[in-house]
C-alpha cells in the first residue's frame, strides 16, 4: 500500500481542478440540485472547491474559504439533494479513472461533512 497522500494519488492540483470542474458540471446538469447552481460563479466556486479538496486530501494548498456550516447555512439542503451530490461526485471520480481505494477515501471525506451540510 502506498504512503502517498490522497492528494498525490489523485494527481495533484491540476487533476483535482479538472475533477472538481466535472463535479460542478454534473451538479449543474442534475435536475435534483441544478437550481442551486444557476446563479453561482462557476469559476469562483471551482477555485474554492479545488483549494478545499487539495487541502483536505493532503496537498500543500491552504483553504481560506468558509467552513462547511457557514458555506451551506440557510440552504436547507435535504438528504435527497445530498445523495444526488454524492452520486455526481462518484460519477466524476469514475469518469476521471480514479482508483477504487481513492474513490472510497474521497467518499469517506464527503460523508464526514454530511452533518455540516444537511439542514443548516
N, C-alpha and C. Protein backbone atom coordinates (compact mmCIF):
# COMPACT_ATOMS: atom_id res chain seq x y z
N UNK A 1 0.84 -1.17 0.00
CA UNK A 1 0.00 0.00 0.00
C UNK A 1 0.88 1.24 0.00
N UNK A 2 0.53 2.22 -0.80
CA UNK A 2 1.31 3.43 -0.95
C UNK A 2 1.14 4.36 0.25
N UNK A 3 2.22 5.04 0.60
CA UNK A 3 2.17 6.04 1.66
C UNK A 3 1.85 7.42 1.10
N UNK A 4 1.66 7.51 -0.20
CA UNK A 4 1.36 8.79 -0.83
C UNK A 4 0.00 9.31 -0.34
N UNK A 5 -0.10 10.61 -0.20
CA UNK A 5 -1.36 11.22 0.23
C UNK A 5 -2.43 11.03 -0.84
N UNK A 6 -3.67 11.18 -0.44
CA UNK A 6 -4.76 11.12 -1.40
C UNK A 6 -4.57 12.21 -2.46
N UNK A 7 -4.11 13.36 -2.06
CA UNK A 7 -3.81 14.45 -2.99
C UNK A 7 -2.86 13.98 -4.09
N UNK A 8 -1.79 13.32 -3.69
CA UNK A 8 -0.81 12.82 -4.66
C UNK A 8 -1.42 11.74 -5.54
N UNK A 9 -2.20 10.84 -4.93
CA UNK A 9 -2.79 9.74 -5.69
C UNK A 9 -3.88 10.22 -6.64
N UNK A 10 -4.48 11.38 -6.34
CA UNK A 10 -5.46 11.96 -7.25
C UNK A 10 -4.78 12.70 -8.40
N UNK A 11 -3.48 12.93 -8.27
CA UNK A 11 -2.73 13.55 -9.36
C UNK A 11 -2.35 15.00 -9.16
N UNK A 12 -2.57 15.54 -7.97
CA UNK A 12 -2.18 16.91 -7.69
C UNK A 12 -3.24 17.92 -8.11
N UNK A 13 -2.87 19.18 -7.98
CA UNK A 13 -3.83 20.28 -8.15
C UNK A 13 -4.48 20.33 -9.53
N UNK A 14 -3.72 20.18 -10.59
CA UNK A 14 -4.31 20.28 -11.93
C UNK A 14 -5.38 19.21 -12.17
N UNK A 15 -5.08 17.99 -11.78
CA UNK A 15 -6.06 16.91 -11.97
C UNK A 15 -7.26 17.08 -11.04
N UNK A 16 -7.00 17.57 -9.84
CA UNK A 16 -8.11 17.82 -8.91
C UNK A 16 -9.00 18.93 -9.46
N UNK A 17 -8.43 19.97 -10.04
CA UNK A 17 -9.23 21.04 -10.64
C UNK A 17 -10.12 20.49 -11.77
N UNK A 18 -9.57 19.61 -12.58
CA UNK A 18 -10.37 19.01 -13.65
C UNK A 18 -11.49 18.14 -13.06
N UNK A 19 -11.17 17.41 -12.00
CA UNK A 19 -12.18 16.59 -11.32
C UNK A 19 -13.28 17.47 -10.74
N UNK A 20 -12.90 18.54 -10.06
CA UNK A 20 -13.87 19.46 -9.46
C UNK A 20 -14.74 20.10 -10.55
N UNK A 21 -14.14 20.44 -11.68
CA UNK A 21 -14.91 21.00 -12.80
C UNK A 21 -15.96 20.00 -13.28
N UNK A 22 -15.59 18.74 -13.38
CA UNK A 22 -16.55 17.70 -13.77
C UNK A 22 -17.65 17.55 -12.74
N UNK A 23 -17.29 17.62 -11.47
CA UNK A 23 -18.30 17.52 -10.41
C UNK A 23 -19.27 18.69 -10.54
N UNK A 24 -18.74 19.90 -10.71
CA UNK A 24 -19.61 21.07 -10.87
C UNK A 24 -20.55 20.87 -12.06
N UNK A 25 -20.00 20.45 -13.20
CA UNK A 25 -20.81 20.23 -14.40
C UNK A 25 -21.89 19.18 -14.16
N UNK A 26 -21.54 18.12 -13.43
CA UNK A 26 -22.53 17.10 -13.08
C UNK A 26 -23.66 17.70 -12.25
N UNK A 27 -23.30 18.53 -11.25
CA UNK A 27 -24.32 19.17 -10.41
C UNK A 27 -25.21 20.09 -11.26
N UNK A 28 -24.59 20.87 -12.14
CA UNK A 28 -25.34 21.82 -12.97
C UNK A 28 -26.32 21.13 -13.91
N UNK A 29 -26.05 19.87 -14.22
CA UNK A 29 -26.91 19.10 -15.11
C UNK A 29 -27.80 18.09 -14.39
N UNK A 30 -27.77 18.10 -13.07
CA UNK A 30 -28.54 17.17 -12.27
C UNK A 30 -29.83 17.87 -11.82
N UNK A 31 -30.97 17.42 -12.29
CA UNK A 31 -32.24 18.10 -12.01
C UNK A 31 -32.53 18.22 -10.51
N UNK A 32 -31.96 17.35 -9.71
CA UNK A 32 -32.21 17.40 -8.28
C UNK A 32 -31.52 18.61 -7.62
N UNK A 33 -30.38 19.02 -8.13
CA UNK A 33 -29.61 20.10 -7.49
C UNK A 33 -29.26 21.26 -8.41
N UNK A 34 -29.56 21.16 -9.67
CA UNK A 34 -29.11 22.18 -10.63
C UNK A 34 -29.57 23.59 -10.30
N UNK A 35 -30.77 23.74 -9.73
CA UNK A 35 -31.27 25.08 -9.40
C UNK A 35 -30.36 25.80 -8.40
N UNK A 36 -29.65 25.05 -7.60
CA UNK A 36 -28.74 25.65 -6.61
C UNK A 36 -27.51 26.28 -7.26
N UNK A 37 -27.26 25.93 -8.51
CA UNK A 37 -26.04 26.39 -9.18
C UNK A 37 -26.30 27.44 -10.26
N UNK A 38 -27.55 27.76 -10.52
CA UNK A 38 -27.91 28.68 -11.60
C UNK A 38 -27.24 30.04 -11.44
N UNK A 39 -27.24 30.58 -10.26
CA UNK A 39 -26.69 31.93 -10.02
C UNK A 39 -25.27 31.91 -9.47
N UNK A 40 -24.65 30.75 -9.46
CA UNK A 40 -23.29 30.67 -8.90
C UNK A 40 -22.25 31.12 -9.92
N UNK A 41 -21.14 31.58 -9.42
CA UNK A 41 -20.00 31.93 -10.25
C UNK A 41 -19.17 30.66 -10.40
N UNK A 42 -19.33 30.00 -11.55
CA UNK A 42 -18.71 28.69 -11.77
C UNK A 42 -17.21 28.73 -11.48
N UNK A 43 -16.49 29.68 -12.06
CA UNK A 43 -15.04 29.72 -11.89
C UNK A 43 -14.63 29.95 -10.45
N UNK A 44 -15.33 30.84 -9.75
CA UNK A 44 -15.01 31.10 -8.35
C UNK A 44 -15.30 29.88 -7.49
N UNK A 45 -16.43 29.25 -7.73
CA UNK A 45 -16.78 28.06 -6.96
C UNK A 45 -15.77 26.93 -7.20
N UNK A 46 -15.38 26.74 -8.44
CA UNK A 46 -14.37 25.71 -8.76
C UNK A 46 -13.05 26.03 -8.08
N UNK A 47 -12.67 27.30 -8.07
CA UNK A 47 -11.44 27.71 -7.39
C UNK A 47 -11.49 27.38 -5.91
N UNK A 48 -12.60 27.73 -5.24
CA UNK A 48 -12.74 27.46 -3.80
C UNK A 48 -12.77 25.96 -3.52
N UNK A 49 -13.54 25.22 -4.29
CA UNK A 49 -13.66 23.78 -4.04
C UNK A 49 -12.35 23.07 -4.34
N UNK A 50 -11.64 23.50 -5.37
CA UNK A 50 -10.33 22.92 -5.67
C UNK A 50 -9.39 23.11 -4.49
N UNK A 51 -9.33 24.32 -3.95
CA UNK A 51 -8.47 24.58 -2.79
C UNK A 51 -8.90 23.73 -1.60
N UNK A 52 -10.21 23.61 -1.40
CA UNK A 52 -10.74 22.82 -0.29
C UNK A 52 -10.34 21.35 -0.43
N UNK A 53 -10.53 20.79 -1.63
CA UNK A 53 -10.19 19.39 -1.86
C UNK A 53 -8.69 19.18 -1.75
N UNK A 54 -7.91 20.06 -2.34
CA UNK A 54 -6.45 19.92 -2.27
C UNK A 54 -5.98 19.92 -0.82
N UNK A 55 -6.42 20.90 -0.04
CA UNK A 55 -6.01 20.99 1.36
C UNK A 55 -6.51 19.79 2.16
N UNK A 56 -7.74 19.36 1.87
CA UNK A 56 -8.36 18.27 2.63
C UNK A 56 -7.84 16.88 2.29
N UNK A 57 -7.11 16.76 1.18
CA UNK A 57 -6.58 15.46 0.79
C UNK A 57 -5.07 15.37 0.98
N UNK A 58 -4.50 16.38 1.63
CA UNK A 58 -3.07 16.32 1.95
C UNK A 58 -2.18 17.16 1.08
N UNK A 59 -2.75 18.04 0.27
CA UNK A 59 -1.95 18.90 -0.59
C UNK A 59 -1.38 20.08 0.19
N UNK A 60 -0.46 20.82 -0.44
CA UNK A 60 0.18 21.95 0.24
C UNK A 60 -0.68 23.22 0.24
N UNK A 61 -1.80 23.21 -0.44
CA UNK A 61 -2.65 24.39 -0.53
C UNK A 61 -3.30 24.70 0.81
N UNK A 62 -3.65 25.94 0.97
CA UNK A 62 -4.38 26.39 2.14
C UNK A 62 -5.77 26.80 1.70
N UNK A 63 -6.76 26.31 2.38
CA UNK A 63 -8.14 26.69 2.08
C UNK A 63 -8.50 27.83 3.00
N UNK A 64 -8.87 28.97 2.42
CA UNK A 64 -9.19 30.16 3.21
C UNK A 64 -10.67 30.53 3.11
N UNK A 65 -11.47 29.66 2.50
CA UNK A 65 -12.89 29.95 2.34
C UNK A 65 -13.69 29.64 3.60
N UNK A 66 -14.99 29.73 3.46
CA UNK A 66 -15.89 29.46 4.58
C UNK A 66 -15.83 27.99 4.97
N UNK A 67 -16.12 27.72 6.25
CA UNK A 67 -16.24 26.32 6.66
C UNK A 67 -17.56 25.78 6.11
N UNK A 68 -17.77 24.50 6.19
CA UNK A 68 -18.93 23.88 5.57
C UNK A 68 -20.25 24.38 6.14
N UNK A 69 -20.30 24.61 7.44
CA UNK A 69 -21.55 25.10 8.04
C UNK A 69 -21.86 26.49 7.50
N UNK A 70 -20.89 27.38 7.52
CA UNK A 70 -21.10 28.75 7.03
C UNK A 70 -21.43 28.76 5.54
N UNK A 71 -20.77 27.91 4.75
CA UNK A 71 -20.99 27.88 3.30
C UNK A 71 -22.40 27.39 2.94
N UNK A 72 -22.99 26.57 3.80
CA UNK A 72 -24.29 25.97 3.49
C UNK A 72 -25.42 26.50 4.37
N UNK A 73 -25.11 27.44 5.25
CA UNK A 73 -26.11 27.99 6.18
C UNK A 73 -27.28 28.59 5.41
N UNK A 74 -28.47 28.23 5.83
CA UNK A 74 -29.68 28.76 5.24
C UNK A 74 -30.10 28.10 3.95
N UNK A 75 -29.33 27.14 3.47
CA UNK A 75 -29.66 26.47 2.21
C UNK A 75 -30.67 25.34 2.41
N UNK A 76 -30.79 24.87 3.64
CA UNK A 76 -31.73 23.81 3.97
C UNK A 76 -31.63 22.62 3.01
N UNK A 77 -30.42 22.13 2.85
CA UNK A 77 -30.16 21.01 1.95
C UNK A 77 -30.68 19.73 2.59
N UNK A 78 -31.46 18.98 1.84
CA UNK A 78 -32.05 17.74 2.34
C UNK A 78 -31.27 16.52 1.92
N UNK A 79 -31.67 15.39 2.44
CA UNK A 79 -31.00 14.12 2.17
C UNK A 79 -30.98 13.72 0.71
N UNK A 80 -32.08 13.96 -0.01
CA UNK A 80 -32.14 13.58 -1.42
C UNK A 80 -31.12 14.40 -2.22
N UNK A 81 -31.02 15.69 -1.92
CA UNK A 81 -30.04 16.52 -2.61
C UNK A 81 -28.62 16.08 -2.28
N UNK A 82 -28.39 15.77 -1.02
CA UNK A 82 -27.06 15.33 -0.60
C UNK A 82 -26.65 14.06 -1.36
N UNK A 83 -27.56 13.11 -1.45
CA UNK A 83 -27.25 11.87 -2.17
C UNK A 83 -27.03 12.12 -3.66
N UNK A 84 -27.78 13.06 -4.23
CA UNK A 84 -27.58 13.41 -5.64
C UNK A 84 -26.17 13.97 -5.85
N UNK A 85 -25.72 14.79 -4.91
CA UNK A 85 -24.38 15.36 -4.99
C UNK A 85 -23.33 14.25 -4.86
N UNK A 86 -23.53 13.33 -3.96
CA UNK A 86 -22.61 12.20 -3.80
C UNK A 86 -22.55 11.39 -5.09
N UNK A 87 -23.70 11.13 -5.69
CA UNK A 87 -23.73 10.40 -6.97
C UNK A 87 -22.94 11.14 -8.04
N UNK A 88 -23.11 12.47 -8.10
CA UNK A 88 -22.36 13.27 -9.07
C UNK A 88 -20.86 13.18 -8.85
N UNK A 89 -20.46 13.20 -7.59
CA UNK A 89 -19.03 13.09 -7.24
C UNK A 89 -18.50 11.73 -7.68
N UNK A 90 -19.25 10.67 -7.36
CA UNK A 90 -18.79 9.33 -7.72
C UNK A 90 -18.70 9.17 -9.23
N UNK A 91 -19.67 9.71 -9.96
CA UNK A 91 -19.62 9.65 -11.43
C UNK A 91 -18.37 10.35 -11.96
N UNK A 92 -18.05 11.51 -11.40
CA UNK A 92 -16.86 12.25 -11.85
C UNK A 92 -15.59 11.47 -11.53
N UNK A 93 -15.53 10.87 -10.34
CA UNK A 93 -14.35 10.09 -9.97
C UNK A 93 -14.14 8.94 -10.96
N UNK A 94 -15.22 8.26 -11.30
CA UNK A 94 -15.13 7.15 -12.25
C UNK A 94 -14.75 7.65 -13.65
N UNK A 95 -15.35 8.73 -14.07
CA UNK A 95 -15.05 9.31 -15.39
C UNK A 95 -13.57 9.66 -15.51
N UNK A 96 -12.98 10.11 -14.42
CA UNK A 96 -11.57 10.51 -14.42
C UNK A 96 -10.64 9.34 -14.12
N UNK A 97 -11.17 8.15 -14.03
CA UNK A 97 -10.34 6.97 -13.84
C UNK A 97 -9.69 6.88 -12.47
N UNK A 98 -10.32 7.48 -11.48
CA UNK A 98 -9.79 7.43 -10.12
C UNK A 98 -9.98 6.01 -9.58
N UNK A 99 -8.93 5.50 -8.95
CA UNK A 99 -8.95 4.13 -8.43
C UNK A 99 -9.96 3.92 -7.32
N UNK A 100 -10.32 2.66 -7.12
CA UNK A 100 -11.34 2.29 -6.12
C UNK A 100 -10.96 2.77 -4.72
N UNK A 101 -9.72 2.57 -4.32
CA UNK A 101 -9.29 3.00 -2.98
C UNK A 101 -9.46 4.51 -2.83
N UNK A 102 -9.06 5.25 -3.84
CA UNK A 102 -9.16 6.70 -3.78
C UNK A 102 -10.62 7.15 -3.80
N UNK A 103 -11.46 6.44 -4.58
CA UNK A 103 -12.89 6.75 -4.58
C UNK A 103 -13.47 6.57 -3.17
N UNK A 104 -13.09 5.48 -2.53
CA UNK A 104 -13.60 5.20 -1.18
C UNK A 104 -13.14 6.26 -0.18
N UNK A 105 -11.88 6.66 -0.28
CA UNK A 105 -11.37 7.68 0.64
C UNK A 105 -12.07 9.02 0.40
N UNK A 106 -12.26 9.37 -0.87
CA UNK A 106 -12.95 10.62 -1.21
C UNK A 106 -14.37 10.58 -0.67
N UNK A 107 -15.03 9.45 -0.84
CA UNK A 107 -16.39 9.28 -0.34
C UNK A 107 -16.45 9.39 1.19
N UNK A 108 -15.48 8.83 1.87
CA UNK A 108 -15.45 8.94 3.34
C UNK A 108 -15.33 10.39 3.77
N UNK A 109 -14.51 11.16 3.06
CA UNK A 109 -14.38 12.59 3.37
C UNK A 109 -15.72 13.28 3.16
N UNK A 110 -16.35 13.01 2.02
CA UNK A 110 -17.65 13.63 1.72
C UNK A 110 -18.67 13.29 2.80
N UNK A 111 -18.72 12.04 3.21
CA UNK A 111 -19.67 11.64 4.24
C UNK A 111 -19.33 12.24 5.60
N UNK A 112 -18.06 12.50 5.86
CA UNK A 112 -17.69 13.11 7.14
C UNK A 112 -18.21 14.55 7.25
N UNK A 113 -18.52 15.16 6.12
CA UNK A 113 -19.01 16.54 6.09
C UNK A 113 -20.54 16.63 6.11
N UNK A 114 -21.20 15.50 6.02
CA UNK A 114 -22.64 15.46 5.90
C UNK A 114 -23.36 16.28 6.96
N UNK A 115 -22.97 16.13 8.20
CA UNK A 115 -23.63 16.84 9.30
C UNK A 115 -23.45 18.35 9.24
N UNK A 116 -22.42 18.80 8.57
CA UNK A 116 -22.17 20.24 8.42
C UNK A 116 -22.90 20.83 7.22
N UNK A 117 -23.50 19.98 6.41
CA UNK A 117 -24.13 20.43 5.16
C UNK A 117 -25.66 20.32 5.21
N UNK A 118 -26.14 19.23 5.78
CA UNK A 118 -27.59 18.99 5.78
C UNK A 118 -28.35 19.90 6.73
N UNK A 119 -29.42 20.49 6.21
CA UNK A 119 -30.38 21.24 7.02
C UNK A 119 -29.78 22.30 7.93
N UNK A 120 -28.72 22.96 7.47
CA UNK A 120 -28.13 24.04 8.28
C UNK A 120 -28.63 25.39 7.82
